[in-house]
Amino acid sequence: MKYLSKFNELNTDDKVLSSDKIEEINKDLTSIADDLDEKMSKINKITEDISDYTSESQKGNTQIDDAYVDLKTLFNKLKESLDLINSVNSKLKNYSEKGTQYLS
């Protein structure tokens, strides 16, 4: 990962991300985010489909119950991933517009 440096290093010319590179990274991350969003919709549909087959037993879970919980967990983790991608895009855009700023 050539474009990463320690947060406390002095910024030298070779440690500055160009606007073109930031645009390329943002484009790639946006494409990944779009793919994740599509997959999340499919996972949500599958989760809804199997929700009718979960048991109502208080004694234990079936395989369907566990699969349902796993799918909900997967969906939440993908949503968290999507949020992180959007955060990275926002930070890189800010960097491109305002230059290096130390965050508190």
N, C-alpha and C. Protein backbone atom coordinates (compact mmCIF):
# COMPACT_ATOMS: atom_id res chain seq x y z
N MET A 1 0.84 -1.17 0.00
CA MET A 1 0.00 0.00 0.00
C MET A 1 0.89 1.24 0.00
N LYS A 2 1.22 1.64 -1.17
CA LYS A 2 2.14 2.75 -1.35
C LYS A 2 1.60 4.06 -0.78
N TYR A 3 0.28 4.25 -0.77
CA TYR A 3 -0.26 5.53 -0.37
C TYR A 3 -0.51 5.67 1.12
N LEU A 4 0.03 4.76 1.93
CA LEU A 4 -0.10 4.88 3.37
C LEU A 4 1.21 5.34 3.99
N SER A 5 1.13 6.20 4.96
CA SER A 5 2.31 6.59 5.73
C SER A 5 1.89 6.76 7.17
N LYS A 6 2.87 6.78 8.05
CA LYS A 6 2.56 6.97 9.46
C LYS A 6 1.96 8.35 9.66
N PHE A 7 1.01 8.46 10.60
CA PHE A 7 0.30 9.72 10.77
C PHE A 7 1.20 10.84 11.26
N ASN A 8 2.33 10.51 11.89
CA ASN A 8 3.18 11.55 12.45
C ASN A 8 4.40 11.85 11.59
N GLU A 9 4.51 11.28 10.41
CA GLU A 9 5.64 11.56 9.53
C GLU A 9 5.45 12.92 8.88
N LEU A 10 6.56 13.60 8.65
CA LEU A 10 6.49 14.85 7.93
C LEU A 10 6.02 14.59 6.51
N ASN A 11 5.22 15.47 6.00
CA ASN A 11 4.75 15.32 4.64
C ASN A 11 5.83 15.81 3.68
N THR A 12 6.32 14.92 2.87
CA THR A 12 7.27 15.29 1.83
C THR A 12 6.57 15.11 0.50
N ASP A 13 7.17 15.61 -0.54
CA ASP A 13 6.52 15.54 -1.85
C ASP A 13 6.15 14.11 -2.25
N ASP A 14 6.96 13.15 -1.86
CA ASP A 14 6.65 11.77 -2.26
C ASP A 14 5.61 11.12 -1.35
N LYS A 15 5.17 11.81 -0.32
CA LYS A 15 4.14 11.27 0.58
C LYS A 15 2.79 11.95 0.38
N VAL A 16 2.66 12.73 -0.66
CA VAL A 16 1.42 13.44 -0.93
C VAL A 16 0.65 12.69 -2.01
N LEU A 17 -0.60 12.43 -1.72
CA LEU A 17 -1.46 11.80 -2.72
C LEU A 17 -1.92 12.84 -3.73
N SER A 18 -1.77 12.53 -4.98
CA SER A 18 -2.24 13.44 -6.01
C SER A 18 -3.76 13.37 -6.11
N SER A 19 -4.34 14.41 -6.65
CA SER A 19 -5.79 14.42 -6.85
C SER A 19 -6.22 13.29 -7.78
N ASP A 20 -5.38 13.00 -8.78
CA ASP A 20 -5.70 11.90 -9.69
C ASP A 20 -5.74 10.57 -8.97
N LYS A 21 -4.76 10.34 -8.09
CA LYS A 21 -4.72 9.08 -7.34
C LYS A 21 -5.92 8.98 -6.40
N ILE A 22 -6.25 10.08 -5.75
CA ILE A 22 -7.42 10.09 -4.85
C ILE A 22 -8.69 9.79 -5.64
N GLU A 23 -8.80 10.39 -6.82
CA GLU A 23 -9.97 10.14 -7.67
C GLU A 23 -10.03 8.66 -8.07
N GLU A 24 -8.89 8.08 -8.39
CA GLU A 24 -8.83 6.66 -8.75
C GLU A 24 -9.24 5.77 -7.58
N ILE A 25 -8.74 6.09 -6.40
CA ILE A 25 -9.08 5.31 -5.20
C ILE A 25 -10.57 5.45 -4.91
N ASN A 26 -11.09 6.67 -4.94
CA ASN A 26 -12.51 6.90 -4.69
C ASN A 26 -13.38 6.15 -5.70
N LYS A 27 -12.96 6.15 -6.95
CA LYS A 27 -13.71 5.44 -7.98
C LYS A 27 -13.75 3.94 -7.68
N ASP A 28 -12.59 3.37 -7.31
CA ASP A 28 -12.54 1.95 -6.97
C ASP A 28 -13.40 1.63 -5.75
N LEU A 29 -13.30 2.48 -4.72
CA LEU A 29 -14.08 2.25 -3.51
C LEU A 29 -15.58 2.41 -3.76
N THR A 30 -15.94 3.34 -4.62
CA THR A 30 -17.35 3.53 -4.97
C THR A 30 -17.88 2.30 -5.70
N SER A 31 -17.07 1.75 -6.58
CA SER A 31 -17.46 0.52 -7.29
C SER A 31 -17.66 -0.63 -6.30
N ILE A 32 -16.75 -0.75 -5.35
CA ILE A 32 -16.88 -1.79 -4.32
C ILE A 32 -18.14 -1.56 -3.50
N ALA A 33 -18.40 -0.31 -3.15
CA ALA A 33 -19.59 0.03 -2.35
C ALA A 33 -20.86 -0.32 -3.11
N ASP A 34 -20.87 -0.04 -4.41
CA ASP A 34 -22.04 -0.38 -5.23
C ASP A 34 -22.26 -1.90 -5.26
N ASP A 35 -21.16 -2.66 -5.41
CA ASP A 35 -21.26 -4.12 -5.39
C ASP A 35 -21.78 -4.62 -4.04
N LEU A 36 -21.25 -4.04 -2.96
CA LEU A 36 -21.70 -4.43 -1.62
C LEU A 36 -23.18 -4.14 -1.43
N ASP A 37 -23.61 -2.98 -1.90
CA ASP A 37 -25.01 -2.61 -1.76
C ASP A 37 -25.91 -3.60 -2.48
N GLU A 38 -25.50 -4.02 -3.67
CA GLU A 38 -26.26 -5.02 -4.43
C GLU A 38 -26.30 -6.35 -3.68
N LYS A 39 -25.16 -6.77 -3.15
CA LYS A 39 -25.09 -8.05 -2.42
C LYS A 39 -25.91 -7.97 -1.13
N MET A 40 -25.88 -6.81 -0.49
CA MET A 40 -26.67 -6.64 0.74
C MET A 40 -28.16 -6.81 0.46
N SER A 41 -28.61 -6.30 -0.67
CA SER A 41 -30.02 -6.46 -1.03
C SER A 41 -30.37 -7.94 -1.20
N LYS A 42 -29.47 -8.68 -1.84
CA LYS A 42 -29.70 -10.11 -2.04
C LYS A 42 -29.70 -10.85 -0.70
N ILE A 43 -28.76 -10.51 0.16
CA ILE A 43 -28.69 -11.16 1.48
C ILE A 43 -29.95 -10.84 2.29
N ASN A 44 -30.41 -9.61 2.21
CA ASN A 44 -31.61 -9.22 2.92
C ASN A 44 -32.81 -10.01 2.42
N LYS A 45 -32.89 -10.21 1.10
CA LYS A 45 -33.98 -11.00 0.51
C LYS A 45 -33.93 -12.45 0.99
N ILE A 46 -32.73 -13.03 1.00
CA ILE A 46 -32.58 -14.42 1.49
C ILE A 46 -32.99 -14.50 2.95
N THR A 47 -32.58 -13.52 3.74
CA THR A 47 -32.93 -13.49 5.17
C THR A 47 -34.44 -13.45 5.35
N GLU A 48 -35.09 -12.61 4.57
CA GLU A 48 -36.56 -12.54 4.63
C GLU A 48 -37.19 -13.86 4.22
N ASP A 49 -36.62 -14.48 3.18
CA ASP A 49 -37.17 -15.75 2.69
C ASP A 49 -37.12 -16.84 3.75
N ILE A 50 -36.03 -16.93 4.48
CA ILE A 50 -35.93 -18.03 5.45
C ILE A 50 -36.51 -17.67 6.81
N SER A 51 -36.87 -16.40 7.01
CA SER A 51 -37.42 -16.01 8.32
C SER A 51 -38.72 -16.76 8.64
N ASP A 52 -39.47 -17.11 7.59
CA ASP A 52 -40.73 -17.86 7.81
C ASP A 52 -40.48 -19.29 8.28
N TYR A 53 -39.25 -19.76 8.13
CA TYR A 53 -38.93 -21.15 8.47
C TYR A 53 -38.18 -21.29 9.79
N THR A 54 -38.00 -20.17 10.49
CA THR A 54 -37.33 -20.26 11.79
C THR A 54 -38.29 -20.86 12.81
N SER A 55 -37.72 -21.55 13.76
CA SER A 55 -38.56 -22.21 14.77
C SER A 55 -38.94 -21.21 15.85
N GLU A 56 -39.98 -21.56 16.56
CA GLU A 56 -40.41 -20.75 17.69
C GLU A 56 -40.12 -21.46 19.00
N SER A 57 -39.32 -22.49 18.93
CA SER A 57 -38.98 -23.26 20.11
C SER A 57 -38.09 -22.46 21.05
N GLN A 58 -38.38 -22.58 22.32
CA GLN A 58 -37.56 -21.94 23.34
C GLN A 58 -36.46 -22.88 23.84
N LYS A 59 -36.49 -24.14 23.37
CA LYS A 59 -35.55 -25.15 23.84
C LYS A 59 -34.22 -25.13 23.10
N GLY A 60 -34.21 -24.65 21.88
CA GLY A 60 -32.97 -24.65 21.11
C GLY A 60 -33.19 -24.13 19.71
N ASN A 61 -32.09 -23.98 19.02
CA ASN A 61 -32.13 -23.48 17.65
C ASN A 61 -32.00 -24.61 16.65
N THR A 62 -32.61 -24.41 15.51
CA THR A 62 -32.42 -25.32 14.38
C THR A 62 -31.32 -24.73 13.49
N GLN A 63 -30.95 -25.48 12.47
CA GLN A 63 -29.97 -24.98 11.52
C GLN A 63 -30.49 -23.71 10.84
N ILE A 64 -31.78 -23.66 10.56
CA ILE A 64 -32.39 -22.50 9.92
C ILE A 64 -32.30 -21.29 10.85
N ASP A 65 -32.55 -21.51 12.13
CA ASP A 65 -32.44 -20.42 13.11
C ASP A 65 -31.03 -19.83 13.10
N ASP A 66 -30.04 -20.72 13.15
CA ASP A 66 -28.64 -20.26 13.16
C ASP A 66 -28.27 -19.59 11.83
N ALA A 67 -28.75 -20.13 10.73
CA ALA A 67 -28.47 -19.52 9.43
C ALA A 67 -29.09 -18.12 9.36
N TYR A 68 -30.29 -17.98 9.88
CA TYR A 68 -30.97 -16.69 9.90
C TYR A 68 -30.17 -15.67 10.70
N VAL A 69 -29.72 -16.07 11.87
CA VAL A 69 -28.91 -15.18 12.72
C VAL A 69 -27.60 -14.83 12.01
N ASP A 70 -26.97 -15.82 11.40
CA ASP A 70 -25.71 -15.57 10.68
C ASP A 70 -25.92 -14.60 9.52
N LEU A 71 -27.02 -14.75 8.80
CA LEU A 71 -27.30 -13.83 7.69
C LEU A 71 -27.53 -12.40 8.18
N LYS A 72 -28.22 -12.26 9.30
CA LYS A 72 -28.44 -10.93 9.86
C LYS A 72 -27.10 -10.32 10.31
N THR A 73 -26.24 -11.15 10.89
CA THR A 73 -24.91 -10.68 11.31
C THR A 73 -24.09 -10.28 10.09
N LEU A 74 -24.14 -11.11 9.05
CA LEU A 74 -23.42 -10.80 7.82
C LEU A 74 -23.90 -9.48 7.22
N PHE A 75 -25.20 -9.29 7.18
CA PHE A 75 -25.76 -8.05 6.64
C PHE A 75 -25.24 -6.84 7.43
N ASN A 76 -25.25 -6.95 8.75
CA ASN A 76 -24.79 -5.84 9.60
C ASN A 76 -23.31 -5.55 9.38
N LYS A 77 -22.50 -6.59 9.20
CA LYS A 77 -21.08 -6.39 8.96
C LYS A 77 -20.83 -5.77 7.59
N LEU A 78 -21.61 -6.16 6.61
CA LEU A 78 -21.49 -5.54 5.29
C LEU A 78 -21.91 -4.08 5.34
N LYS A 79 -22.94 -3.78 6.12
CA LYS A 79 -23.36 -2.38 6.28
C LYS A 79 -22.25 -1.59 6.95
N GLU A 80 -21.63 -2.17 7.95
CA GLU A 80 -20.50 -1.50 8.61
C GLU A 80 -19.36 -1.28 7.62
N SER A 81 -19.10 -2.26 6.77
CA SER A 81 -18.06 -2.12 5.75
C SER A 81 -18.40 -1.00 4.78
N LEU A 82 -19.66 -0.93 4.39
CA LEU A 82 -20.11 0.13 3.49
C LEU A 82 -19.93 1.51 4.14
N ASP A 83 -20.26 1.60 5.41
CA ASP A 83 -20.07 2.86 6.15
C ASP A 83 -18.59 3.25 6.19
N LEU A 84 -17.71 2.26 6.38
CA LEU A 84 -16.27 2.54 6.41
C LEU A 84 -15.76 3.01 5.05
N ILE A 85 -16.24 2.39 4.00
CA ILE A 85 -15.85 2.80 2.65
C ILE A 85 -16.28 4.25 2.41
N ASN A 86 -17.50 4.58 2.79
CA ASN A 86 -17.98 5.95 2.62
C ASN A 86 -17.16 6.93 3.45
N SER A 87 -16.74 6.52 4.63
CA SER A 87 -15.90 7.35 5.49
C SER A 87 -14.54 7.60 4.84
N VAL A 88 -13.95 6.56 4.29
CA VAL A 88 -12.66 6.71 3.62
C VAL A 88 -12.79 7.66 2.44
N ASN A 89 -13.82 7.48 1.63
CA ASN A 89 -14.04 8.37 0.49
C ASN A 89 -14.18 9.82 0.93
N SER A 90 -14.92 10.03 2.00
CA SER A 90 -15.11 11.38 2.51
C SER A 90 -13.79 11.99 2.99
N LYS A 91 -13.00 11.21 3.70
CA LYS A 91 -11.72 11.70 4.20
C LYS A 91 -10.75 12.01 3.07
N LEU A 92 -10.71 11.16 2.06
CA LEU A 92 -9.83 11.41 0.92
C LEU A 92 -10.28 12.63 0.14
N LYS A 93 -11.58 12.81 0.01
CA LYS A 93 -12.09 14.01 -0.68
C LYS A 93 -11.70 15.26 0.10
N ASN A 94 -11.83 15.21 1.42
CA ASN A 94 -11.45 16.34 2.27
C ASN A 94 -9.96 16.62 2.14
N TYR A 95 -9.15 15.59 2.11
CA TYR A 95 -7.70 15.72 1.94
C TYR A 95 -7.39 16.39 0.61
N SER A 96 -8.08 15.97 -0.43
CA SER A 96 -7.87 16.52 -1.76
C SER A 96 -8.24 18.00 -1.81
N GLU A 97 -9.30 18.37 -1.12
CA GLU A 97 -9.78 19.75 -1.16
C GLU A 97 -9.02 20.67 -0.22
N LYS A 98 -8.65 20.18 0.97
CA LYS A 98 -8.08 21.05 2.01
C LYS A 98 -6.63 20.76 2.35
N GLY A 99 -6.07 19.70 1.78
CA GLY A 99 -4.70 19.34 2.12
C GLY A 99 -4.64 18.58 3.43
N THR A 100 -3.42 18.31 3.85
CA THR A 100 -3.20 17.54 5.08
C THR A 100 -3.66 18.32 6.30
N GLN A 101 -4.44 17.65 7.13
CA GLN A 101 -4.87 18.22 8.41
C GLN A 101 -4.79 17.10 9.44
N TYR A 102 -4.25 17.42 10.59
CA TYR A 102 -4.21 16.42 11.65
C TYR A 102 -5.57 16.39 12.34
N LEU A 103 -6.07 15.19 12.54
CA LEU A 103 -7.38 15.00 13.14
C LEU A 103 -7.22 14.74 14.62
N SER A 104 -8.12 15.30 15.38
CA SER A 104 -8.06 15.09 16.83
C SER A 104 -8.93 13.95 17.27
